[in-house]
Amino acid sequence: MLIYHGSDMAVPKPQILPANRFLDFGEGFYTTFAYEQARRWALLVSKKKKSPGKIISVYEFEMDKAIKELKIRRFDSPDSGWLHFVTDCRSGKGMNHGYDVVMGPVANDNVYATIQLFETGLLSEAETLLRLKVEKIYNQILFHTGQVLKYCTYLRHEDAGEGISG
């Protein structure tokens, strides 16, 4: 299965690096099944770093093997389990969750604003989940441990181009 990573440079040898901030699924190497999502990440990273590079690295992920041999947590939609997992990770409580791989929806800026309202108690869980259903939500795959990288083979990198469509 093809997966993608968007950045300002090619990443032929992914690494599990400590995060400088709390992220949706904790620290690790983030990828996606969605080419357009990787493209968006590449353009945003380039803009944030003021870097000319806008690169999508393409990998083959041996998911069938990984599922048999690793500890994987998969969220198919932004449900209650996903909401609590993300809020724990983004608050720092869930950083050492024990999974090798976590897959599920991305909490983009609009989604994260809704999650913040939930965290502060301004929205109930039911209201939060209802709001999340109307958002266009992409997916992400976190490689949390170095062990999972052996299931990921670098194939190539591509220029992400200019601008963000959609």
Protein backbone atom coordinates (compact mmCIF):
# COMPACT_ATOMS: atom_id res chain seq x y z
CA MET A 1 0.00 0.00 0.00
CA LEU A 2 1.32 3.45 -0.92
CA ILE A 3 1.63 6.07 1.81
CA TYR A 4 2.94 9.63 1.65
CA HIS A 5 4.83 12.14 3.78
CA GLY A 6 4.79 15.87 3.01
CA SER A 7 7.72 18.06 4.01
CA ASP A 8 10.15 20.64 2.70
CA MET A 9 12.66 17.89 1.87
CA ALA A 10 12.76 14.27 0.74
CA VAL A 11 12.80 11.77 3.60
CA PRO A 12 14.39 8.55 2.26
CA LYS A 13 15.17 7.27 5.79
CA PRO A 14 12.29 8.07 8.16
CA GLN A 15 13.16 8.39 11.83
CA ILE A 16 11.19 8.53 15.04
CA LEU A 17 12.13 11.94 16.41
CA PRO A 18 11.00 13.63 19.62
CA ALA A 19 8.20 16.11 18.97
CA ASN A 20 8.60 19.79 19.86
CA ARG A 21 4.87 20.00 20.56
CA PHE A 22 1.97 17.69 21.41
CA LEU A 23 0.41 16.11 18.31
CA ASP A 24 -2.78 14.13 17.53
CA PHE A 25 -1.31 10.66 18.06
CA GLY A 26 1.90 11.46 19.94
CA GLU A 27 5.42 11.66 18.66
CA GLY A 28 6.79 9.77 15.71
CA PHE A 29 6.80 9.86 11.91
CA TYR A 30 3.50 10.96 10.36
CA THR A 31 2.28 9.77 6.95
CA THR A 32 -1.06 9.52 5.15
CA PHE A 33 -2.90 7.33 2.64
CA ALA A 34 -4.08 10.54 0.91
CA TYR A 35 -1.74 12.09 -1.66
CA GLU A 36 -3.54 15.45 -1.44
CA GLN A 37 -3.11 15.49 2.34
CA ALA A 38 0.66 14.95 1.96
CA ARG A 39 0.72 17.72 -0.62
CA ARG A 40 -1.01 20.09 1.79
CA TRP A 41 1.48 19.17 4.53
CA ALA A 42 4.44 19.78 2.16
CA LEU A 43 3.13 23.23 1.20
CA LEU A 44 2.37 24.19 4.81
CA VAL A 45 5.77 23.01 6.10
CA SER A 46 7.51 24.92 3.30
CA LYS A 47 5.58 28.08 4.15
CA LYS A 48 6.14 27.72 7.91
CA LYS A 49 9.89 27.14 7.51
CA LYS A 50 10.20 29.68 4.68
CA SER A 51 11.84 26.89 2.68
CA PRO A 52 11.74 26.53 -1.12
CA GLY A 53 11.25 22.75 -0.88
CA LYS A 54 7.77 21.26 -1.21
CA ILE A 55 8.32 17.52 -1.34
CA ILE A 56 6.14 14.43 -1.09
CA SER A 57 8.04 11.28 -0.14
CA VAL A 58 6.35 8.08 -1.34
CA TYR A 59 6.64 4.76 0.50
CA GLU A 60 5.38 1.22 0.25
CA PHE A 61 3.89 0.19 3.61
CA GLU A 62 3.53 -3.55 4.24
CA MET A 63 0.35 -3.10 6.23
CA ASP A 64 -0.74 -6.76 6.18
CA LYS A 65 2.57 -7.81 7.75
CA ALA A 66 2.53 -4.91 10.20
CA ILE A 67 -0.99 -5.75 11.36
CA LYS A 68 0.09 -9.32 12.17
CA GLU A 69 3.29 -8.38 13.98
CA LEU A 70 2.80 -4.97 15.63
CA LYS A 71 0.52 -3.26 18.07
CA ILE A 72 -1.77 -1.05 15.95
CA ARG A 73 -4.60 1.28 16.93
CA ARG A 74 -6.96 2.25 14.12
CA PHE A 75 -9.74 4.82 14.24
CA ASP A 76 -12.09 4.64 11.25
CA SER A 77 -13.90 7.88 12.10
CA PRO A 78 -13.75 10.75 14.60
CA ASP A 79 -15.70 8.85 17.25
CA SER A 80 -15.61 9.03 21.04
CA GLY A 81 -12.51 6.81 21.32
CA TRP A 82 -10.63 8.94 18.77
CA LEU A 83 -11.71 12.18 20.49
CA HIS A 84 -10.38 11.06 23.88
CA PHE A 85 -7.18 9.60 22.39
CA VAL A 86 -6.41 12.86 20.53
CA THR A 87 -7.22 15.10 23.52
CA ASP A 88 -4.95 12.94 25.72
CA CYS A 89 -2.09 13.09 23.20
CA ARG A 90 -2.51 16.81 22.54
CA SER A 91 -2.46 17.51 26.28
CA GLY A 92 0.65 15.37 26.79
CA LYS A 93 -1.13 12.64 28.77
CA GLY A 94 -1.20 10.10 25.94
CA MET A 95 2.30 10.49 24.55
CA ASN A 96 3.42 7.01 25.65
CA HIS A 97 0.36 5.08 24.52
CA GLY A 98 2.22 1.86 23.69
CA TYR A 99 1.14 1.44 20.06
CA ASP A 100 3.64 0.96 17.24
CA VAL A 101 1.23 2.49 14.70
CA VAL A 102 -1.83 4.70 15.10
CA MET A 103 -4.12 5.40 12.13
CA GLY A 104 -7.12 7.69 11.90
CA PRO A 105 -8.51 11.14 11.16
CA VAL A 106 -6.39 14.31 11.28
CA ALA A 107 -7.39 17.02 13.72
CA ASN A 108 -6.80 19.98 11.39
CA ASP A 109 -7.25 23.60 12.56
CA ASN A 110 -11.07 23.54 12.31
CA VAL A 111 -11.26 20.14 13.97
CA TYR A 112 -8.81 21.16 16.66
CA ALA A 113 -10.80 24.30 17.47
CA THR A 114 -13.80 22.04 18.13
CA ILE A 115 -11.63 19.74 20.28
CA GLN A 116 -10.45 22.73 22.32
CA LEU A 117 -14.07 23.68 23.02
CA PHE A 118 -14.62 20.10 24.22
CA GLU A 119 -11.48 20.18 26.41
CA THR A 120 -12.56 23.39 28.10
CA GLY A 121 -16.05 22.02 28.76
CA LEU A 122 -17.86 24.40 26.40
CA LEU A 123 -19.04 21.48 24.25
CA SER A 124 -20.28 18.10 25.40
CA GLU A 125 -18.89 14.95 23.83
CA ALA A 126 -22.10 14.53 21.80
CA GLU A 127 -21.99 18.14 20.53
CA THR A 128 -18.31 17.78 19.66
CA LEU A 129 -18.84 14.56 17.69
CA LEU A 130 -21.79 16.11 15.85
CA ARG A 131 -19.65 19.10 14.79
CA LEU A 132 -16.84 16.80 13.65
CA LYS A 133 -19.19 14.97 11.27
CA VAL A 134 -19.51 18.06 9.06
CA GLU A 135 -15.76 18.65 8.71
CA LYS A 136 -13.76 17.29 5.76
CA ILE A 137 -11.35 15.05 7.60
CA TYR A 138 -8.19 13.53 6.14
CA ASN A 139 -6.30 10.56 7.56
CA GLN A 140 -2.91 10.13 9.14
CA ILE A 141 -0.70 7.19 10.03
CA LEU A 142 1.73 7.64 12.90
CA PHE A 143 4.80 5.41 13.09
CA HIS A 144 5.41 5.65 16.83
CA THR A 145 8.25 3.14 17.27
CA GLY A 146 11.36 2.40 15.26
CA GLN A 147 10.22 -1.21 14.90
CA VAL A 148 7.52 -0.21 12.39
CA LEU A 149 9.98 1.45 10.01
CA LYS A 150 11.10 -1.96 8.69
CA TYR A 151 7.63 -2.27 7.09
CA CYS A 152 8.06 1.03 5.24
CA THR A 153 10.16 1.17 2.04
CA TYR A 154 11.07 4.49 0.43
CA LEU A 155 10.19 4.51 -3.28
CA ARG A 156 10.73 8.07 -4.50
CA HIS A 157 9.95 11.72 -3.88
CA GLU A 158 7.96 14.22 -5.92
CA ASP A 159 7.67 17.98 -6.09
CA ALA A 160 4.38 19.06 -4.50
CA GLY A 161 4.06 22.11 -6.76
CA GLU A 162 2.58 25.47 -5.85
CA GLY A 163 -0.54 26.55 -3.98
CA ILE A 164 -3.14 24.55 -2.14
CA SER A 165 -6.14 23.33 -4.08
CA GLY A 166 -9.53 22.40 -2.71
